[in-house]
Amino acid sequence: MAAVRLWRCRCRALLSRPAGAVRARRGLAAGPEMHFGFQTVTEEERREKIYQVFENVAKKYDVMNDSMTLGIHRVWKDILVHKMNPCPGTLLLDVAGGTGDIAFRFINYVRSVRQRQLQRKLKHHQNLSWQEIFESYQKDQFNSLGDSQVVVCDINREMLKVGKQKAQHLGYSEGLSWVLGNAEELPFDDDKFDVYTIAFGIRNVTRIDLALQEAYRVLKPGGRFLCLEFSHVSNPLLSRLYDLYSFQVIPVLGEVIAGDWRSYQYLVESIRQFPPQEELKAMIEDAGFFRVDYENLNCGIVAIHSGFKL
């Protein structure tokens, strides 16, 4: 009987509590509200939904990138790597780099620089015998990256799986490693990398502020942060055309090519919810970076943000 009376008292107390107080307690338990595209969700729901998006699209990710951007994403990524201008010996961390697009470009770029260095070296040794030239060439060829390394870090196993298969198919192995990890809590020591890149990934991070702090932590003093991301179009006419294409065409392509309308509807919505160029610049500065600037590409359809750890 005592237990029944206690249960009735608790029920009366709960029913007499203001509705707002009950909702507030529920909100507190669920965590802060965030955006998943145009939906309002909890932080944990956002993490789970984004993980599911990329698990669903991993196998068609590269094909969809070509289709959505008419192949222009390749040019944007080339510009990012040229802006990085890595030299032999550079240690790069590519976060959210799943299918390896930035990593492979980095390796190609460093190999090209290394090859030019080797040719200049041989040119300055005209008096060497053929045997000495051959041995010198062979020695340098075995180290075509000059001790450069790129670590691809992604939170999604399926994206990493696709990236590894692609690397094997294209013949990339030297100086390349793959790590399962969260951008908000990177599994690396402090002051480890020369360059940190994140291409079309920071928009899908749940806590951008934490990801930026982690980027700062793992970079060496003097290290560089580079972010390539969809942004906000500056030209009003182009902006209207871009919106029309984004909302009317991209989800349809997602359904036809990847069999997934919802994931690409999220993609379009997430771009519109992402901070504009100046706001992201301020966030990067708040994380501790100096000399932060950005370059708009194609009138701001995408932007490259850059900053240094000093």
Protein backbone atom coordinates (compact mmCIF):
# COMPACT_ATOMS: atom_id res chain seq x y z
CA MET A 1 0.00 0.00 0.00
CA ALA A 2 2.85 2.38 0.85
CA ALA A 3 4.36 1.73 -2.60
CA VAL A 4 1.02 2.49 -4.29
CA ARG A 5 0.63 5.78 -2.36
CA LEU A 6 4.22 6.78 -3.33
CA TRP A 7 3.51 6.02 -7.01
CA ARG A 8 0.29 8.12 -6.90
CA CYS A 9 2.16 11.04 -5.30
CA ARG A 10 4.81 10.95 -8.01
CA CYS A 11 2.16 10.87 -10.75
CA ARG A 12 0.34 13.89 -9.22
CA ALA A 13 3.65 15.78 -8.94
CA LEU A 14 4.47 15.08 -12.58
CA LEU A 15 1.01 16.07 -13.79
CA SER A 16 1.03 19.27 -11.74
CA ARG A 17 4.45 20.30 -13.15
CA PRO A 18 4.21 22.97 -15.91
CA ALA A 19 4.36 21.52 -19.44
CA GLY A 20 7.30 23.76 -20.30
CA ALA A 21 9.32 22.31 -17.45
CA VAL A 22 8.72 18.77 -18.74
CA ARG A 23 9.76 19.79 -22.25
CA ALA A 24 12.85 21.54 -20.91
CA ARG A 25 13.93 18.41 -19.06
CA ARG A 26 13.39 16.35 -22.20
CA GLY A 27 15.43 18.83 -24.24
CA LEU A 28 18.24 18.68 -21.71
CA ALA A 29 18.29 14.91 -21.84
CA ALA A 30 18.30 14.87 -25.64
CA GLY A 31 21.14 17.38 -25.96
CA PRO A 32 21.32 20.70 -27.81
CA GLU A 33 19.26 21.17 -30.94
CA MET A 34 21.13 21.26 -34.26
CA HIS A 35 20.38 21.26 -37.98
CA PHE A 36 20.35 18.24 -40.23
CA GLY A 37 19.66 20.00 -43.49
CA PHE A 38 16.45 21.93 -42.78
CA GLN A 39 15.42 19.55 -39.97
CA THR A 40 16.00 20.35 -36.30
CA VAL A 41 17.51 17.37 -34.48
CA THR A 42 19.59 16.62 -31.40
CA GLU A 43 23.38 16.45 -31.57
CA GLU A 44 23.36 12.67 -31.34
CA GLU A 45 20.65 12.32 -34.00
CA ARG A 46 22.68 14.53 -36.33
CA ARG A 47 25.78 12.35 -35.88
CA GLU A 48 23.83 9.19 -36.61
CA LYS A 49 22.02 10.62 -39.62
CA ILE A 50 25.18 11.99 -41.24
CA TYR A 51 26.99 8.71 -40.66
CA GLN A 52 24.11 6.91 -42.39
CA VAL A 53 24.17 9.34 -45.32
CA PHE A 54 27.79 8.58 -46.14
CA GLU A 55 27.43 4.88 -45.49
CA ASN A 56 24.62 4.88 -48.05
CA VAL A 57 26.40 6.92 -50.74
CA ALA A 58 30.00 5.67 -50.33
CA LYS A 59 30.05 3.38 -53.38
CA LYS A 60 28.56 6.04 -55.67
CA TYR A 61 30.24 9.04 -53.99
CA ASP A 62 32.81 9.77 -56.72
CA VAL A 63 30.34 9.20 -59.57
CA MET A 64 27.84 11.56 -57.95
CA ASN A 65 30.52 14.23 -57.44
CA ASP A 66 31.24 14.14 -61.16
CA SER A 67 27.56 14.24 -62.03
CA MET A 68 26.55 17.00 -59.60
CA THR A 69 29.42 19.35 -60.45
CA LEU A 70 29.87 18.33 -64.11
CA GLY A 71 33.39 17.31 -63.11
CA ILE A 72 34.34 20.76 -61.82
CA HIS A 73 35.06 19.36 -58.33
CA ARG A 74 38.25 17.93 -59.84
CA VAL A 75 39.44 21.43 -60.73
CA TRP A 76 38.57 22.74 -57.26
CA LYS A 77 40.60 19.95 -55.64
CA ASP A 78 43.53 20.62 -57.99
CA ILE A 79 43.45 24.29 -56.97
CA LEU A 80 43.46 23.28 -53.29
CA VAL A 81 46.59 21.13 -53.72
CA HIS A 82 48.36 23.79 -55.80
CA LYS A 83 47.53 26.33 -53.10
CA MET A 84 49.07 23.92 -50.56
CA ASN A 85 52.16 23.62 -52.77
CA PRO A 86 53.64 20.70 -50.79
CA CYS A 87 57.32 19.87 -51.05
CA PRO A 88 59.03 16.49 -50.53
CA GLY A 89 59.03 15.68 -46.83
CA THR A 90 55.59 17.21 -46.13
CA LEU A 91 53.39 15.33 -43.66
CA LEU A 92 49.73 15.85 -44.57
CA LEU A 93 46.59 14.97 -42.61
CA ASP A 94 43.52 14.82 -44.85
CA VAL A 95 40.42 14.71 -42.66
CA ALA A 96 37.11 13.40 -44.03
CA GLY A 97 39.22 12.27 -46.97
CA GLY A 98 37.38 8.96 -47.41
CA THR A 99 37.76 8.14 -51.10
CA GLY A 100 41.27 9.61 -51.34
CA ASP A 101 40.83 12.41 -53.89
CA ILE A 102 43.04 14.89 -52.03
CA ALA A 103 45.55 12.23 -50.94
CA PHE A 104 46.13 11.00 -54.50
CA ARG A 105 46.56 14.55 -55.79
CA PHE A 106 49.03 15.27 -52.99
CA ILE A 107 51.10 12.19 -53.93
CA ASN A 108 51.06 13.12 -57.64
CA TYR A 109 52.10 16.70 -56.86
CA VAL A 110 54.98 15.70 -54.58
CA ARG A 111 56.19 13.09 -57.08
CA SER A 112 56.22 15.75 -59.78
CA VAL A 113 58.23 18.14 -57.58
CA ARG A 114 60.59 15.32 -56.64
CA GLN A 115 61.10 14.39 -60.29
CA ARG A 116 62.02 17.97 -61.21
CA GLN A 117 64.47 18.09 -58.30
CA LEU A 118 66.07 14.87 -59.53
CA GLN A 119 66.40 16.18 -63.07
CA ARG A 120 68.07 19.39 -61.82
CA LYS A 121 70.40 17.31 -59.65
CA LEU A 122 71.47 15.14 -62.58
CA LYS A 123 71.93 18.20 -64.76
CA HIS A 124 74.43 19.59 -62.27
CA HIS A 125 76.44 16.35 -62.32
CA GLN A 126 77.43 16.27 -65.97
CA ASN A 127 80.90 14.94 -65.12
CA LEU A 128 79.60 11.79 -63.42
CA SER A 129 79.99 8.48 -65.16
CA TRP A 130 76.94 6.70 -66.60
CA GLN A 131 77.12 4.15 -63.74
CA GLU A 132 77.17 6.89 -61.08
CA ILE A 133 74.24 8.69 -62.70
CA PHE A 134 72.27 5.43 -62.95
CA GLU A 135 72.90 4.55 -59.29
CA SER A 136 71.97 8.05 -58.12
CA TYR A 137 68.78 7.94 -60.20
CA GLN A 138 67.80 4.51 -58.92
CA LYS A 139 68.37 5.54 -55.31
CA ASP A 140 66.14 8.58 -55.65
CA GLN A 141 63.49 6.67 -57.59
CA PHE A 142 63.01 4.30 -54.65
CA ASN A 143 62.08 7.34 -52.55
CA SER A 144 59.86 9.15 -55.05
CA LEU A 145 58.02 11.13 -52.34
CA GLY A 146 61.12 12.33 -50.47
CA ASP A 147 59.72 11.01 -47.16
CA SER A 148 56.37 12.75 -47.67
CA GLN A 149 53.35 11.05 -46.15
CA VAL A 150 49.61 11.55 -46.24
CA VAL A 151 47.26 10.19 -43.60
CA VAL A 152 43.62 9.93 -44.65
CA CYS A 153 41.33 10.13 -41.62
CA ASP A 154 37.60 9.52 -41.89
CA ILE A 155 34.88 8.60 -39.39
CA ASN A 156 33.04 6.39 -41.88
CA ARG A 157 34.26 2.82 -42.47
CA GLU A 158 32.51 2.49 -45.83
CA MET A 159 34.16 5.65 -47.19
CA LEU A 160 37.58 4.39 -46.08
CA LYS A 161 36.87 1.01 -47.63
CA VAL A 162 36.10 2.64 -50.99
CA GLY A 163 39.23 4.80 -50.70
CA LYS A 164 41.48 1.81 -50.03
CA GLN A 165 40.02 -0.12 -52.97
CA LYS A 166 40.52 2.91 -55.20
CA ALA A 167 44.15 3.30 -54.04
CA GLN A 168 44.87 -0.34 -54.78
CA HIS A 169 43.27 -0.07 -58.22
CA LEU A 170 45.24 3.11 -59.09
CA GLY A 171 48.51 1.82 -57.66
CA TYR A 172 48.92 4.16 -54.68
CA SER A 173 50.62 2.66 -51.64
CA GLU A 174 53.87 4.49 -50.85
CA GLY A 175 53.49 7.24 -48.24
CA LEU A 176 49.76 6.61 -47.77
CA SER A 177 47.89 5.40 -44.69
CA TRP A 178 44.22 5.20 -43.66
CA VAL A 179 42.89 5.89 -40.16
CA LEU A 180 39.38 5.58 -38.77
CA GLY A 181 38.84 8.69 -36.66
CA ASN A 182 36.54 11.53 -35.63
CA ALA A 183 37.44 15.08 -36.73
CA GLU A 184 36.26 16.33 -33.33
CA GLU A 185 38.60 14.00 -31.44
CA LEU A 186 41.54 13.11 -33.68
CA PRO A 187 43.63 10.05 -32.72
CA PHE A 188 46.96 11.85 -33.22
CA ASP A 189 49.60 13.53 -31.04
CA ASP A 190 49.96 17.29 -30.72
CA ASP A 191 52.16 19.20 -33.21
CA LYS A 192 52.43 16.27 -35.63
CA PHE A 193 51.45 17.43 -39.15
CA ASP A 194 52.72 20.11 -41.55
CA VAL A 195 49.39 20.54 -43.32
CA TYR A 196 45.75 19.74 -42.44
CA THR A 197 43.17 19.57 -45.22
CA ILE A 198 39.43 18.97 -45.13
CA ALA A 199 37.59 19.01 -48.46
CA PHE A 200 33.78 18.99 -48.48
CA GLY A 201 33.85 17.56 -44.98
CA ILE A 202 33.64 20.30 -42.37
CA ARG A 203 30.01 20.99 -43.30
CA ASN A 204 29.17 17.48 -42.10
CA VAL A 205 31.00 17.78 -38.77
CA THR A 206 28.60 18.02 -35.84
CA ARG A 207 30.71 20.49 -33.83
CA ILE A 208 32.76 22.63 -36.23
CA ASP A 209 34.38 24.49 -33.34
CA LEU A 210 35.78 21.24 -31.90
CA ALA A 211 37.03 20.11 -35.31
CA LEU A 212 38.87 23.41 -35.78
CA GLN A 213 40.42 23.15 -32.31
CA GLU A 214 41.61 19.63 -33.14
CA ALA A 215 43.06 20.83 -36.45
CA TYR A 216 45.03 23.46 -34.54
CA ARG A 217 46.21 20.94 -31.96
CA VAL A 218 47.65 18.38 -34.38
CA LEU A 219 49.41 20.91 -36.62
CA LYS A 220 53.05 21.77 -36.00
CA PRO A 221 53.90 25.42 -35.28
CA GLY A 222 54.05 26.98 -38.74
CA GLY A 223 51.61 24.36 -40.04
CA ARG A 224 48.82 25.24 -42.45
CA PHE A 225 45.07 24.63 -42.33
CA LEU A 226 43.20 24.39 -45.65
CA CYS A 227 39.46 23.89 -46.03
CA LEU A 228 37.62 23.44 -49.33
CA GLU A 229 33.86 23.66 -48.92
CA PHE A 230 30.63 24.66 -50.62
CA SER A 231 29.81 28.22 -49.64
CA HIS A 232 27.54 31.15 -50.47
CA VAL A 233 27.22 32.53 -53.99
CA SER A 234 27.91 36.26 -54.28
CA ASN A 235 26.16 36.93 -57.61
CA PRO A 236 22.34 37.27 -57.14
CA LEU A 237 21.42 35.95 -60.61
CA LEU A 238 23.81 33.00 -60.33
CA SER A 239 22.51 32.36 -56.81
CA ARG A 240 18.95 31.91 -58.11
CA LEU A 241 20.08 29.61 -60.91
CA TYR A 242 22.25 27.67 -58.44
CA ASP A 243 19.30 27.21 -56.07
CA LEU A 244 17.12 26.00 -58.92
CA TYR A 245 19.74 23.47 -60.00
CA SER A 246 20.47 22.38 -56.44
CA PHE A 247 16.91 21.71 -55.31
CA GLN A 248 15.42 20.51 -58.60
CA VAL A 249 18.26 18.55 -60.20
CA ILE A 250 20.72 17.23 -57.58
CA PRO A 251 18.21 15.11 -55.58
CA VAL A 252 16.93 13.63 -58.85
CA LEU A 253 20.51 12.72 -59.84
CA GLY A 254 20.91 11.14 -56.41
CA GLU A 255 17.87 8.98 -56.99
CA VAL A 256 18.82 7.99 -60.55
CA ILE A 257 22.54 7.32 -59.96
CA ALA A 258 22.76 6.31 -56.31
CA GLY A 259 19.17 5.29 -55.63
CA ASP A 260 19.10 7.78 -52.76
CA TRP A 261 17.01 10.95 -53.00
CA ARG A 262 17.11 11.83 -49.29
CA SER A 263 20.89 11.86 -48.87
CA TYR A 264 21.30 14.35 -51.71
CA GLN A 265 18.37 16.44 -50.52
CA TYR A 266 20.28 16.67 -47.22
CA LEU A 267 23.43 17.65 -49.12
CA VAL A 268 21.68 20.60 -50.78
CA GLU A 269 20.02 21.71 -47.55
CA SER A 270 23.27 21.42 -45.57
CA ILE A 271 25.02 23.78 -47.99
CA ARG A 272 22.35 26.43 -47.37
CA GLN A 273 22.72 26.02 -43.58
CA PHE A 274 26.53 26.26 -43.65
CA PRO A 275 28.12 29.50 -42.36
CA PRO A 276 29.02 32.07 -45.05
CA GLN A 277 32.65 32.83 -45.86
CA GLU A 278 33.24 35.62 -43.34
CA GLU A 279 31.59 33.71 -40.50
CA LEU A 280 33.69 30.60 -41.14
CA LYS A 281 36.78 32.81 -41.31
CA ALA A 282 35.95 34.17 -37.84
CA MET A 283 35.46 30.64 -36.49
CA ILE A 284 38.89 29.60 -37.81
CA GLU A 285 40.45 32.64 -36.13
CA ASP A 286 38.66 31.81 -32.88
CA ALA A 287 40.33 28.38 -32.97
CA GLY A 288 43.72 30.15 -32.80
CA PHE A 289 44.78 30.39 -36.44
CA PHE A 290 46.53 33.44 -37.86
CA ARG A 291 46.63 35.01 -41.32
CA VAL A 292 43.23 33.52 -42.10
CA ASP A 293 41.81 34.31 -45.52
CA TYR A 294 39.66 32.70 -48.17
CA GLU A 295 39.39 32.50 -51.94
CA ASN A 296 36.03 32.18 -53.68
CA LEU A 297 35.86 29.84 -56.65
CA ASN A 298 33.10 30.12 -59.26
CA CYS A 299 31.56 33.18 -57.58
CA GLY A 300 31.48 31.53 -54.15
CA ILE A 301 29.88 28.20 -55.06
CA VAL A 302 32.90 26.90 -53.15
CA ALA A 303 35.56 28.64 -51.10
CA ILE A 304 39.04 27.70 -49.90
CA HIS A 305 39.84 28.94 -46.38
CA SER A 306 43.44 29.05 -45.26
CA GLY A 307 45.11 29.71 -41.90
CA PHE A 308 48.41 29.13 -40.10
CA LYS A 309 49.36 27.91 -36.65
CA LEU A 310 52.07 30.29 -35.45
